[in-house]
Amino acid sequence: MGAGHDHGHAHGGSPGGTATAAYRGRLRAALGITLTVMVVEIVGGVLADSLALVADAAHMATDALGLGMALLAIHFAGRPATGRRTFGYARAEILAALANCLLLLGVGGYVLFEAVDRFVTPAGTEGGLAVWFGVVGLVANTVSLGLLMRGQAESLNVRGAFLEVAADALGSVGVIVAALVIVTTGWQAADPIASLVIGLMIVPRTVRLLRETLDVLLEAAPKGVDMEEVRSHILALEGVEDVHDLHAWTITSGMPVLSAHVVVSSEVLNAIGHEKMLHELQGCLGVHFDVEHCTFQLEPGGHAEHEARLCH
């Protein structure tokens, strides 16, 4: 390593310890519940001729696929890093979240289309039967929400699953309300209206999750990390003259990363040494920001100009 250069590392959890991995058991339980309710609602939708039940079952199928992808992503994310993939397969979780978003958008569009078609061609929905199947779906979704409540604050994948189950729970409420309206008034339009509501619940939540997922893939600064504030904190350390090539991004949920070239006066470096300077930088960011994996290159004053001349 050349004179005036050094790298400091503060390592966060390994890929196998990503935020989603901590909730593997809960995801498996939610997957089992989702698959069961999906089958029940498909049967109920066919027997009661209820589009709302079929729409909720279709969303359940997407939930099941999303949960399965999340569990598969955990498996890949736990594989060790290699010389080619230096962060291992941690980013697989984010790719699964992206695929989940695209599937949700597709299901939402399908439900909206079918609901509009039912206004044109009304169906004879059996309200009493639909009520009971709707209640089964609501109870099961409530259990799944309880399983995923804590993890949704820590992992995009778990949050995606949580939002899907939450939309399903609201969808089940819509199914029940629509079925009760049909039972009490005979108004068949209640079923496609409930289906429209389910579709409109799916799309906005999915767009928000998609935006967060794309931010990770486009290596935007981690949520809650103000880069100008980070720069100010680094510059406030004694002896720091400048900071450049400052970058922060997220590998996967719970794994933010930061790197920077920090220009330090030669007098301070000679007085306290590189190791102490690195500890101060890491301590500063560790106290003020939730970034555990940091890489710093220390440079004496004038080094940036020297590098620029070499590049030209």
C-alpha atoms as a PDB file:
ATOM      1  CA  MET A   1       0.000   0.000   0.000  1.00  0.00           C
ATOM      2  CA  GLY A   2       1.497   3.355  -0.991  1.00  0.00           C
ATOM      3  CA  ALA A   3       2.550   6.031   1.452  1.00  0.00           C
ATOM      4  CA  GLY A   4      -0.272   8.211   2.663  1.00  0.00           C
ATOM      5  CA  HIS A   5      -2.885   5.538   1.946  1.00  0.00           C
ATOM      6  CA  ASP A   6      -4.788   3.366   4.367  1.00  0.00           C
ATOM      7  CA  HIS A   7      -8.112   1.619   4.516  1.00  0.00           C
ATOM      8  CA  GLY A   8     -10.329   1.200   7.540  1.00  0.00           C
ATOM      9  CA  HIS A   9     -13.078  -1.343   7.746  1.00  0.00           C
ATOM     10  CA  ALA A  10     -15.971  -1.606  10.148  1.00  0.00           C
ATOM     11  CA  HIS A  11     -17.861  -4.702   9.120  1.00  0.00           C
ATOM     12  CA  GLY A  12     -21.543  -5.227   9.650  1.00  0.00           C
ATOM     13  CA  GLY A  13     -23.255  -8.556   9.535  1.00  0.00           C
ATOM     14  CA  SER A  14     -22.307 -11.054   6.908  1.00  0.00           C
ATOM     15  CA  PRO A  15     -24.637 -11.774   4.054  1.00  0.00           C
ATOM     16  CA  GLY A  16     -25.952 -14.781   5.917  1.00  0.00           C
ATOM     17  CA  GLY A  17     -27.050 -12.464   8.745  1.00  0.00           C
ATOM     18  CA  THR A  18     -29.241 -10.161   6.653  1.00  0.00           C
ATOM     19  CA  ALA A  19     -32.376  -8.654   8.151  1.00  0.00           C
ATOM     20  CA  THR A  20     -34.695 -11.045   6.349  1.00  0.00           C
ATOM     21  CA  ALA A  21     -32.836 -14.178   7.501  1.00  0.00           C
ATOM     22  CA  ALA A  22     -33.820 -13.507  11.115  1.00  0.00           C
ATOM     23  CA  TYR A  23     -37.455 -14.044  10.148  1.00  0.00           C
ATOM     24  CA  ARG A  24     -37.061 -17.235   8.136  1.00  0.00           C
ATOM     25  CA  GLY A  25     -39.323 -19.282  10.452  1.00  0.00           C
ATOM     26  CA  ARG A  26     -42.072 -16.658  10.441  1.00  0.00           C
ATOM     27  CA  LEU A  27     -41.920 -16.399   6.654  1.00  0.00           C
ATOM     28  CA  ARG A  28     -42.301 -20.174   6.393  1.00  0.00           C
ATOM     29  CA  ALA A  29     -45.321 -20.125   8.704  1.00  0.00           C
ATOM     30  CA  ALA A  30     -46.876 -17.253   6.745  1.00  0.00           C
ATOM     31  CA  LEU A  31     -46.251 -19.172   3.508  1.00  0.00           C
ATOM     32  CA  GLY A  32     -48.045 -22.246   4.845  1.00  0.00           C
ATOM     33  CA  ILE A  33     -51.037 -20.151   5.958  1.00  0.00           C
ATOM     34  CA  THR A  34     -51.137 -18.290   2.654  1.00  0.00           C
ATOM     35  CA  LEU A  35     -51.126 -21.464   0.550  1.00  0.00           C
ATOM     36  CA  THR A  36     -53.914 -22.951   2.642  1.00  0.00           C
ATOM     37  CA  VAL A  37     -56.119 -19.865   2.408  1.00  0.00           C
ATOM     38  CA  MET A  38     -55.404 -19.536  -1.308  1.00  0.00           C
ATOM     39  CA  VAL A  39     -56.811 -23.010  -1.958  1.00  0.00           C
ATOM     40  CA  VAL A  40     -59.802 -22.357   0.305  1.00  0.00           C
ATOM     41  CA  GLU A  41     -60.615 -19.062  -1.449  1.00  0.00           C
ATOM     42  CA  ILE A  42     -60.269 -20.560  -4.931  1.00  0.00           C
ATOM     43  CA  VAL A  43     -62.779 -23.247  -3.950  1.00  0.00           C
ATOM     44  CA  GLY A  44     -65.025 -20.625  -2.363  1.00  0.00           C
ATOM     45  CA  GLY A  45     -64.772 -18.309  -5.362  1.00  0.00           C
ATOM     46  CA  VAL A  46     -65.826 -21.074  -7.730  1.00  0.00           C
ATOM     47  CA  LEU A  47     -68.649 -22.353  -5.509  1.00  0.00           C
ATOM     48  CA  ALA A  48     -70.026 -18.880  -4.735  1.00  0.00           C
ATOM     49  CA  ASP A  49     -69.215 -17.401  -8.181  1.00  0.00           C
ATOM     50  CA  SER A  50     -67.533 -14.480  -6.384  1.00  0.00           C
ATOM     51  CA  LEU A  51     -64.960 -12.443  -8.290  1.00  0.00           C
ATOM     52  CA  ALA A  52     -63.916 -10.769  -5.043  1.00  0.00           C
ATOM     53  CA  LEU A  53     -62.977 -14.160  -3.575  1.00  0.00           C
ATOM     54  CA  VAL A  54     -61.172 -15.179  -6.759  1.00  0.00           C
ATOM     55  CA  ALA A  55     -59.343 -11.830  -6.810  1.00  0.00           C
ATOM     56  CA  ASP A  56     -58.271 -12.304  -3.196  1.00  0.00           C
ATOM     57  CA  ALA A  57     -57.162 -15.868  -4.001  1.00  0.00           C
ATOM     58  CA  ALA A  58     -55.130 -14.590  -6.963  1.00  0.00           C
ATOM     59  CA  HIS A  59     -53.454 -12.095  -4.678  1.00  0.00           C
ATOM     60  CA  MET A  60     -52.839 -14.899  -2.204  1.00  0.00           C
ATOM     61  CA  ALA A  61     -51.120 -16.871  -4.973  1.00  0.00           C
ATOM     62  CA  THR A  62     -48.846 -13.891  -5.612  1.00  0.00           C
ATOM     63  CA  ASP A  63     -48.197 -13.636  -1.872  1.00  0.00           C
ATOM     64  CA  ALA A  64     -47.232 -17.298  -1.769  1.00  0.00           C
ATOM     65  CA  LEU A  65     -44.833 -16.829  -4.675  1.00  0.00           C
ATOM     66  CA  GLY A  66     -43.399 -13.711  -3.066  1.00  0.00           C
ATOM     67  CA  LEU A  67     -42.867 -15.461   0.264  1.00  0.00           C
ATOM     68  CA  GLY A  68     -41.287 -18.407  -1.542  1.00  0.00           C
ATOM     69  CA  MET A  69     -38.917 -16.055  -3.374  1.00  0.00           C
ATOM     70  CA  ALA A  70     -38.042 -14.328  -0.110  1.00  0.00           C
ATOM     71  CA  LEU A  71     -37.138 -17.684   1.463  1.00  0.00           C
ATOM     72  CA  LEU A  72     -35.149 -18.660  -1.634  1.00  0.00           C
ATOM     73  CA  ALA A  73     -33.351 -15.314  -1.486  1.00  0.00           C
ATOM     74  CA  ILE A  74     -32.413 -15.966   2.149  1.00  0.00           C
ATOM     75  CA  HIS A  75     -30.846 -19.250   1.043  1.00  0.00           C
ATOM     76  CA  PHE A  76     -28.775 -17.537  -1.651  1.00  0.00           C
ATOM     77  CA  ALA A  77     -27.928 -14.587   0.592  1.00  0.00           C
ATOM     78  CA  GLY A  78     -26.462 -17.003   3.137  1.00  0.00           C
ATOM     79  CA  ARG A  79     -23.942 -18.377   0.651  1.00  0.00           C
ATOM     80  CA  PRO A  80     -20.379 -17.202   1.306  1.00  0.00           C
ATOM     81  CA  ALA A  81     -18.662 -14.447  -0.650  1.00  0.00           C
ATOM     82  CA  THR A  82     -16.311 -15.414  -3.471  1.00  0.00           C
ATOM     83  CA  GLY A  83     -13.559 -13.706  -5.399  1.00  0.00           C
ATOM     84  CA  ARG A  84     -16.092 -12.866  -8.104  1.00  0.00           C
ATOM     85  CA  ARG A  85     -19.058 -12.000  -5.866  1.00  0.00           C
ATOM     86  CA  THR A  86     -17.386 -10.158  -3.015  1.00  0.00           C
ATOM     87  CA  PHE A  87     -20.641  -9.499  -1.147  1.00  0.00           C
ATOM     88  CA  GLY A  88     -21.896 -13.030  -1.762  1.00  0.00           C
ATOM     89  CA  TYR A  89     -25.534 -13.270  -2.855  1.00  0.00           C
ATOM     90  CA  ALA A  90     -26.956 -10.688  -0.444  1.00  0.00           C
ATOM     91  CA  ARG A  91     -28.428  -8.651  -3.308  1.00  0.00           C
ATOM     92  CA  ALA A  92     -30.634 -11.659  -4.207  1.00  0.00           C
ATOM     93  CA  GLU A  93     -33.081 -10.480  -1.540  1.00  0.00           C
ATOM     94  CA  ILE A  94     -33.557  -7.172  -3.340  1.00  0.00           C
ATOM     95  CA  LEU A  95     -33.979  -8.895  -6.697  1.00  0.00           C
ATOM     96  CA  ALA A  96     -36.692 -11.065  -5.122  1.00  0.00           C
ATOM     97  CA  ALA A  97     -38.402  -7.942  -3.797  1.00  0.00           C
ATOM     98  CA  LEU A  98     -38.296  -6.411  -7.297  1.00  0.00           C
ATOM     99  CA  ALA A  99     -39.824  -9.527  -8.871  1.00  0.00           C
ATOM    100  CA  ASN A 100     -42.461  -9.519  -6.149  1.00  0.00           C
ATOM    101  CA  CYS A 101     -43.387  -5.913  -6.989  1.00  0.00           C
ATOM    102  CA  LEU A 102     -43.764  -6.698 -10.690  1.00  0.00           C
ATOM    103  CA  LEU A 103     -45.989  -9.684  -9.902  1.00  0.00           C
ATOM    104  CA  LEU A 104     -48.155  -7.586  -7.604  1.00  0.00           C
ATOM    105  CA  LEU A 105     -48.616  -4.934 -10.283  1.00  0.00           C
ATOM    106  CA  GLY A 106     -49.675  -7.637 -12.739  1.00  0.00           C
ATOM    107  CA  VAL A 107     -52.214  -9.107 -10.322  1.00  0.00           C
ATOM    108  CA  GLY A 108     -53.576  -5.660  -9.481  1.00  0.00           C
ATOM    109  CA  GLY A 109     -54.085  -4.898 -13.166  1.00  0.00           C
ATOM    110  CA  TYR A 110     -55.824  -8.228 -13.753  1.00  0.00           C
ATOM    111  CA  VAL A 111     -58.229  -7.713 -10.852  1.00  0.00           C
ATOM    112  CA  LEU A 112     -59.146  -4.215 -12.061  1.00  0.00           C
ATOM    113  CA  PHE A 113     -59.781  -5.478 -15.591  1.00  0.00           C
ATOM    114  CA  GLU A 114     -61.982  -8.365 -14.448  1.00  0.00           C
ATOM    115  CA  ALA A 115     -63.947  -6.125 -12.083  1.00  0.00           C
ATOM    116  CA  VAL A 116     -64.806  -3.727 -14.909  1.00  0.00           C
ATOM    117  CA  ASP A 117     -65.841  -6.674 -17.087  1.00  0.00           C
ATOM    118  CA  ARG A 118     -68.256  -7.854 -14.387  1.00  0.00           C
ATOM    119  CA  PHE A 119     -70.095  -4.552 -14.541  1.00  0.00           C
ATOM    120  CA  VAL A 120     -70.709  -5.287 -18.222  1.00  0.00           C
ATOM    121  CA  THR A 121     -71.581  -8.948 -17.637  1.00  0.00           C
ATOM    122  CA  PRO A 122     -73.043  -9.332 -14.113  1.00  0.00           C
ATOM    123  CA  ALA A 123     -72.743 -12.670 -12.317  1.00  0.00           C
ATOM    124  CA  GLY A 124     -74.950 -14.367  -9.732  1.00  0.00           C
ATOM    125  CA  THR A 125     -72.750 -14.376  -6.639  1.00  0.00           C
ATOM    126  CA  GLU A 126     -73.847 -16.581  -3.717  1.00  0.00           C
ATOM    127  CA  GLY A 127     -73.442 -14.059  -0.885  1.00  0.00           C
ATOM    128  CA  GLY A 128     -73.965 -16.381   2.083  1.00  0.00           C
ATOM    129  CA  LEU A 129     -71.221 -18.766   0.975  1.00  0.00           C
ATOM    130  CA  ALA A 130     -68.855 -15.918   0.171  1.00  0.00           C
ATOM    131  CA  VAL A 131     -69.228 -14.510   3.708  1.00  0.00           C
ATOM    132  CA  TRP A 132     -67.907 -17.678   5.329  1.00  0.00           C
ATOM    133  CA  PHE A 133     -64.955 -17.983   2.976  1.00  0.00           C
ATOM    134  CA  GLY A 134     -64.180 -14.315   3.516  1.00  0.00           C
ATOM    135  CA  VAL A 135     -64.119 -14.817   7.294  1.00  0.00           C
ATOM    136  CA  VAL A 136     -61.676 -17.722   6.927  1.00  0.00           C
ATOM    137  CA  GLY A 137     -59.393 -15.521   4.827  1.00  0.00           C
ATOM    138  CA  LEU A 138     -59.558 -12.632   7.302  1.00  0.00           C
ATOM    139  CA  VAL A 139     -58.674 -14.796  10.303  1.00  0.00           C
ATOM    140  CA  ALA A 140     -55.745 -16.411   8.493  1.00  0.00           C
ATOM    141  CA  ASN A 141     -54.416 -13.096   7.219  1.00  0.00           C
ATOM    142  CA  THR A 142     -54.595 -11.615  10.706  1.00  0.00           C
ATOM    143  CA  VAL A 143     -52.416 -14.448  12.013  1.00  0.00           C
ATOM    144  CA  SER A 144     -49.883 -13.882   9.214  1.00  0.00           C
ATOM    145  CA  LEU A 145     -49.804 -10.140   9.922  1.00  0.00           C
ATOM    146  CA  GLY A 146     -48.908 -10.874  13.534  1.00  0.00           C
ATOM    147  CA  LEU A 147     -46.052 -13.117  12.397  1.00  0.00           C
ATOM    148  CA  LEU A 148     -44.576 -10.487  10.056  1.00  0.00           C
ATOM    149  CA  MET A 149     -45.289  -7.298  12.022  1.00  0.00           C
ATOM    150  CA  ARG A 150     -41.848  -6.942  13.605  1.00  0.00           C
ATOM    151  CA  GLY A 151     -39.773  -7.966  10.590  1.00  0.00           C
ATOM    152  CA  GLN A 152     -41.439  -5.521   8.177  1.00  0.00           C
ATOM    153  CA  ALA A 153     -39.584  -2.632   9.824  1.00  0.00           C
ATOM    154  CA  GLU A 154     -36.191  -4.228   9.169  1.00  0.00           C
ATOM    155  CA  SER A 155     -36.350  -5.912   5.755  1.00  0.00           C
ATOM    156  CA  LEU A 156     -37.718  -4.863   2.371  1.00  0.00           C
ATOM    157  CA  ASN A 157     -38.591  -8.465   1.593  1.00  0.00           C
ATOM    158  CA  VAL A 158     -40.482  -8.959   4.844  1.00  0.00           C
ATOM    159  CA  ARG A 159     -42.124  -5.567   4.335  1.00  0.00           C
ATOM    160  CA  GLY A 160     -43.228  -6.655   0.879  1.00  0.00           C
ATOM    161  CA  ALA A 161     -44.762  -9.809   2.338  1.00  0.00           C
ATOM    162  CA  PHE A 162     -46.367  -7.794   5.154  1.00  0.00           C
ATOM    163  CA  LEU A 163     -47.936  -5.303   2.737  1.00  0.00           C
ATOM    164  CA  GLU A 164     -49.291  -8.128   0.606  1.00  0.00           C
ATOM    165  CA  VAL A 165     -50.862  -9.863   3.593  1.00  0.00           C
ATOM    166  CA  ALA A 166     -52.230  -6.519   4.840  1.00  0.00           C
ATOM    167  CA  ALA A 167     -53.833  -5.914   1.449  1.00  0.00           C
ATOM    168  CA  ASP A 168     -55.229  -9.457   1.598  1.00  0.00           C
ATOM    169  CA  ALA A 169     -56.706  -8.804   5.044  1.00  0.00           C
ATOM    170  CA  LEU A 170     -58.402  -5.672   3.758  1.00  0.00           C
ATOM    171  CA  GLY A 171     -59.466  -7.627   0.695  1.00  0.00           C
ATOM    172  CA  SER A 172     -61.085 -10.228   2.950  1.00  0.00           C
ATOM    173  CA  VAL A 173     -62.963  -7.425   4.709  1.00  0.00           C
ATOM    174  CA  GLY A 174     -64.125  -6.232   1.293  1.00  0.00           C
ATOM    175  CA  VAL A 175     -65.258  -9.740   0.378  1.00  0.00           C
ATOM    176  CA  ILE A 176     -67.258 -10.025   3.603  1.00  0.00           C
ATOM    177  CA  VAL A 177     -68.887  -6.599   3.211  1.00  0.00           C
ATOM    178  CA  ALA A 178     -69.760  -7.233  -0.437  1.00  0.00           C
ATOM    179  CA  ALA A 179     -71.205 -10.652   0.369  1.00  0.00           C
ATOM    180  CA  LEU A 180     -73.318  -9.227   3.205  1.00  0.00           C
ATOM    181  CA  VAL A 181     -74.652  -6.539   0.856  1.00  0.00           C
ATOM    182  CA  ILE A 182     -75.616  -9.228  -1.670  1.00  0.00           C
ATOM    183  CA  VAL A 183     -77.292 -11.333   1.041  1.00  0.00           C
ATOM    184  CA  THR A 184     -79.298  -8.417   2.450  1.00  0.00           C
ATOM    185  CA  THR A 185     -80.130  -6.462  -0.727  1.00  0.00           C
ATOM    186  CA  GLY A 186     -79.422  -8.752  -3.674  1.00  0.00           C
ATOM    187  CA  TRP A 187     -77.279  -6.044  -5.267  1.00  0.00           C
ATOM    188  CA  GLN A 188     -74.798  -8.069  -7.353  1.00  0.00           C
ATOM    189  CA  ALA A 189     -72.647  -5.039  -8.268  1.00  0.00           C
ATOM    190  CA  ALA A 190     -71.226  -5.159  -4.728  1.00  0.00           C
ATOM    191  CA  ASP A 191     -68.930  -8.034  -5.766  1.00  0.00           C
ATOM    192  CA  PRO A 192     -67.086  -6.261  -8.631  1.00  0.00           C
ATOM    193  CA  ILE A 193     -66.966  -3.072  -6.535  1.00  0.00           C
ATOM    194  CA  ALA A 194     -65.157  -5.008  -3.789  1.00  0.00           C
ATOM    195  CA  SER A 195     -62.831  -6.397  -6.447  1.00  0.00           C
ATOM    196  CA  LEU A 196     -62.032  -2.856  -7.627  1.00  0.00           C
ATOM    197  CA  VAL A 197     -61.233  -1.860  -4.055  1.00  0.00           C
ATOM    198  CA  ILE A 198     -58.884  -4.847  -3.688  1.00  0.00           C
ATOM    199  CA  GLY A 199     -57.110  -3.936  -6.927  1.00  0.00           C
ATOM    200  CA  LEU A 200     -56.758  -0.299  -5.904  1.00  0.00           C
ATOM    201  CA  MET A 201     -55.256  -1.377  -2.578  1.00  0.00           C
ATOM    202  CA  ILE A 202     -52.656  -3.532  -4.287  1.00  0.00           C
ATOM    203  CA  VAL A 203     -51.230  -0.991  -6.730  1.00  0.00           C
ATOM    204  CA  PRO A 204     -50.259   2.087  -4.594  1.00  0.00           C
ATOM    205  CA  ARG A 205     -48.542   0.024  -1.904  1.00  0.00           C
ATOM    206  CA  THR A 206     -46.652  -1.890  -4.553  1.00  0.00           C
ATOM    207  CA  VAL A 207     -45.485   1.310  -6.253  1.00  0.00           C
ATOM    208  CA  ARG A 208     -44.063   2.590  -2.946  1.00  0.00           C
ATOM    209  CA  LEU A 209     -42.227  -0.685  -2.319  1.00  0.00           C
ATOM    210  CA  LEU A 210     -40.982  -0.691  -5.922  1.00  0.00           C
ATOM    211  CA  ARG A 211     -39.552   2.814  -5.448  1.00  0.00           C
ATOM    212  CA  GLU A 212     -37.623   1.715  -2.347  1.00  0.00           C
ATOM    213  CA  THR A 213     -36.360  -1.406  -4.114  1.00  0.00           C
ATOM    214  CA  LEU A 214     -35.177   0.577  -7.134  1.00  0.00           C
ATOM    215  CA  ASP A 215     -33.379   2.995  -4.802  1.00  0.00           C
ATOM    216  CA  VAL A 216     -31.336   0.055  -3.504  1.00  0.00           C
ATOM    217  CA  LEU A 217     -30.602  -1.257  -7.011  1.00  0.00           C
ATOM    218  CA  LEU A 218     -29.631   2.229  -8.209  1.00  0.00           C
ATOM    219  CA  GLU A 219     -27.356   2.554  -5.155  1.00  0.00           C
ATOM    220  CA  ALA A 220     -29.061   5.615  -3.730  1.00  0.00           C
ATOM    221  CA  ALA A 221     -27.977   6.737  -0.270  1.00  0.00           C
ATOM    222  CA  PRO A 222     -29.509   4.561   2.474  1.00  0.00           C
ATOM    223  CA  LYS A 223     -32.790   5.803   3.855  1.00  0.00           C
ATOM    224  CA  GLY A 224     -32.166   8.132   6.782  1.00  0.00           C
ATOM    225  CA  VAL A 225     -28.557   8.899   5.824  1.00  0.00           C
ATOM    226  CA  ASP A 226     -28.044  12.564   4.855  1.00  0.00           C
ATOM    227  CA  MET A 227     -24.825  12.665   2.822  1.00  0.00           C
ATOM    228  CA  GLU A 228     -24.211  16.363   3.485  1.00  0.00           C
ATOM    229  CA  GLU A 229     -24.523  15.685   7.205  1.00  0.00           C
ATOM    230  CA  VAL A 230     -22.091  12.769   6.884  1.00  0.00           C
ATOM    231  CA  ARG A 231     -19.638  15.058   5.078  1.00  0.00           C
ATOM    232  CA  SER A 232     -20.016  17.722   7.776  1.00  0.00           C
ATOM    233  CA  HIS A 233     -19.323  15.237  10.571  1.00  0.00           C
ATOM    234  CA  ILE A 234     -16.189  13.957   8.834  1.00  0.00           C
ATOM    235  CA  LEU A 235     -14.903  17.478   8.157  1.00  0.00           C
ATOM    236  CA  ALA A 236     -15.494  18.401  11.799  1.00  0.00           C
ATOM    237  CA  LEU A 237     -12.845  15.913  12.971  1.00  0.00           C
ATOM    238  CA  GLU A 238      -9.554  17.478  13.963  1.00  0.00           C
ATOM    239  CA  GLY A 239      -7.014  17.409  11.141  1.00  0.00           C
ATOM    240  CA  VAL A 240      -9.485  16.600   8.344  1.00  0.00           C
ATOM    241  CA  GLU A 241      -9.008  19.079   5.488  1.00  0.00           C
ATOM    242  CA  ASP A 242     -11.335  17.641   2.876  1.00  0.00           C
ATOM    243  CA  VAL A 243     -13.397  14.599   1.891  1.00  0.00           C
ATOM    244  CA  HIS A 244     -14.071  13.435  -1.649  1.00  0.00           C
ATOM    245  CA  ASP A 245     -15.337  10.336  -3.469  1.00  0.00           C
ATOM    246  CA  LEU A 246     -17.890   9.999  -0.679  1.00  0.00           C
ATOM    247  CA  HIS A 247     -20.410   7.255  -1.449  1.00  0.00           C
ATOM    248  CA  ALA A 248     -23.057   5.410   0.552  1.00  0.00           C
ATOM    249  CA  TRP A 249     -25.389   2.703  -0.691  1.00  0.00           C
ATOM    250  CA  THR A 250     -27.264  -0.386   0.466  1.00  0.00           C
ATOM    251  CA  ILE A 251     -26.268  -3.931  -0.459  1.00  0.00           C
ATOM    252  CA  THR A 252     -29.483  -5.412   0.933  1.00  0.00           C
ATOM    253  CA  SER A 253     -31.851  -4.747   3.816  1.00  0.00           C
ATOM    254  CA  GLY A 254     -29.864  -4.049   6.962  1.00  0.00           C
ATOM    255  CA  MET A 255     -26.501  -3.787   5.150  1.00  0.00           C
ATOM    256  CA  PRO A 256     -25.619  -0.127   4.387  1.00  0.00           C
ATOM    257  CA  VAL A 257     -22.099   0.591   3.091  1.00  0.00           C
ATOM    258  CA  LEU A 258     -20.013   3.773   2.964  1.00  0.00           C
ATOM    259  CA  SER A 259     -16.667   4.659   1.402  1.00  0.00           C
ATOM    260  CA  ALA A 260     -14.720   7.903   1.296  1.00  0.00           C
ATOM    261  CA  HIS A 261     -11.326   9.456   0.565  1.00  0.00           C
ATOM    262  CA  VAL A 262     -10.427  11.630   3.536  1.00  0.00           C
ATOM    263  CA  VAL A 263      -7.701  14.269   3.251  1.00  0.00           C
ATOM    264  CA  VAL A 264      -5.885  14.704   6.577  1.00  0.00           C
ATOM    265  CA  SER A 265      -3.109  17.163   7.390  1.00  0.00           C
ATOM    266  CA  SER A 266       0.329  15.549   7.483  1.00  0.00           C
ATOM    267  CA  GLU A 267       0.963  17.005  10.938  1.00  0.00           C
ATOM    268  CA  VAL A 268      -2.066  15.266  12.452  1.00  0.00           C
ATOM    269  CA  LEU A 269      -1.299  11.956  10.701  1.00  0.00           C
ATOM    270  CA  ASN A 270       2.283  12.056  11.962  1.00  0.00           C
ATOM    271  CA  ALA A 271       1.117  12.962  15.460  1.00  0.00           C
ATOM    272  CA  ILE A 272      -1.656  10.387  16.023  1.00  0.00           C
ATOM    273  CA  GLY A 273      -1.011   7.830  13.259  1.00  0.00           C
ATOM    274  CA  HIS A 274      -3.322   6.302  10.672  1.00  0.00           C
ATOM    275  CA  GLU A 275      -4.874   3.729  13.024  1.00  0.00           C
ATOM    276  CA  LYS A 276      -6.142   6.291  15.533  1.00  0.00           C
ATOM    277  CA  MET A 277      -7.458   8.509  12.733  1.00  0.00           C
ATOM    278  CA  LEU A 278      -9.395   5.590  11.292  1.00  0.00           C
ATOM    279  CA  HIS A 279     -10.847   4.731  14.702  1.00  0.00           C
ATOM    280  CA  GLU A 280     -12.036   8.331  15.071  1.00  0.00           C
ATOM    281  CA  LEU A 281     -13.682   8.279  11.656  1.00  0.00           C
ATOM    282  CA  GLN A 282     -15.397   4.968  12.320  1.00  0.00           C
ATOM    283  CA  GLY A 283     -16.459   6.080  15.792  1.00  0.00           C
ATOM    284  CA  CYS A 284     -17.919   9.297  14.396  1.00  0.00           C
ATOM    285  CA  LEU A 285     -20.075   7.513  11.836  1.00  0.00           C
ATOM    286  CA  GLY A 286     -20.972   4.688  14.206  1.00  0.00           C
ATOM    287  CA  VAL A 287     -22.351   7.153  16.776  1.00  0.00           C
ATOM    288  CA  HIS A 288     -24.246   9.466  14.418  1.00  0.00           C
ATOM    289  CA  PHE A 289     -25.289   7.198  11.544  1.00  0.00           C
ATOM    290  CA  ASP A 290     -26.528   3.634  11.134  1.00  0.00           C
ATOM    291  CA  VAL A 291     -23.674   2.592   8.809  1.00  0.00           C
ATOM    292  CA  GLU A 292     -21.537  -0.254  10.128  1.00  0.00           C
ATOM    293  CA  HIS A 293     -19.511  -1.193   7.036  1.00  0.00           C
ATOM    294  CA  CYS A 294     -17.190   1.728   6.216  1.00  0.00           C
ATOM    295  CA  THR A 295     -14.072   1.948   4.062  1.00  0.00           C
ATOM    296  CA  PHE A 296     -11.804   4.999   4.290  1.00  0.00           C
ATOM    297  CA  GLN A 297      -8.749   5.975   2.301  1.00  0.00           C
ATOM    298  CA  LEU A 298      -6.603   8.462   4.185  1.00  0.00           C
ATOM    299  CA  GLU A 299      -4.685  10.954   2.067  1.00  0.00           C
ATOM    300  CA  PRO A 300      -2.216  13.676   3.046  1.00  0.00           C
ATOM    301  CA  GLY A 301      -2.871  17.221   1.858  1.00  0.00           C
ATOM    302  CA  GLY A 302      -2.134  17.676  -1.850  1.00  0.00           C
ATOM    303  CA  HIS A 303      -2.536  13.984  -2.671  1.00  0.00           C
ATOM    304  CA  ALA A 304      -5.735  14.515  -4.703  1.00  0.00           C
ATOM    305  CA  GLU A 305      -3.902  16.912  -7.014  1.00  0.00           C
ATOM    306  CA  HIS A 306      -1.106  14.367  -7.365  1.00  0.00           C
ATOM    307  CA  GLU A 307      -3.634  11.649  -8.372  1.00  0.00           C
ATOM    308  CA  ALA A 308      -5.252  14.023 -10.867  1.00  0.00           C
ATOM    309  CA  ARG A 309      -1.876  14.692 -12.529  1.00  0.00           C
ATOM    310  CA  LEU A 310      -1.182  10.960 -12.759  1.00  0.00           C
ATOM    311  CA  CYS A 311      -4.561  10.335 -14.408  1.00  0.00           C
ATOM    312  CA  HIS A 312      -3.795  12.926 -17.076  1.00  0.00           C
END
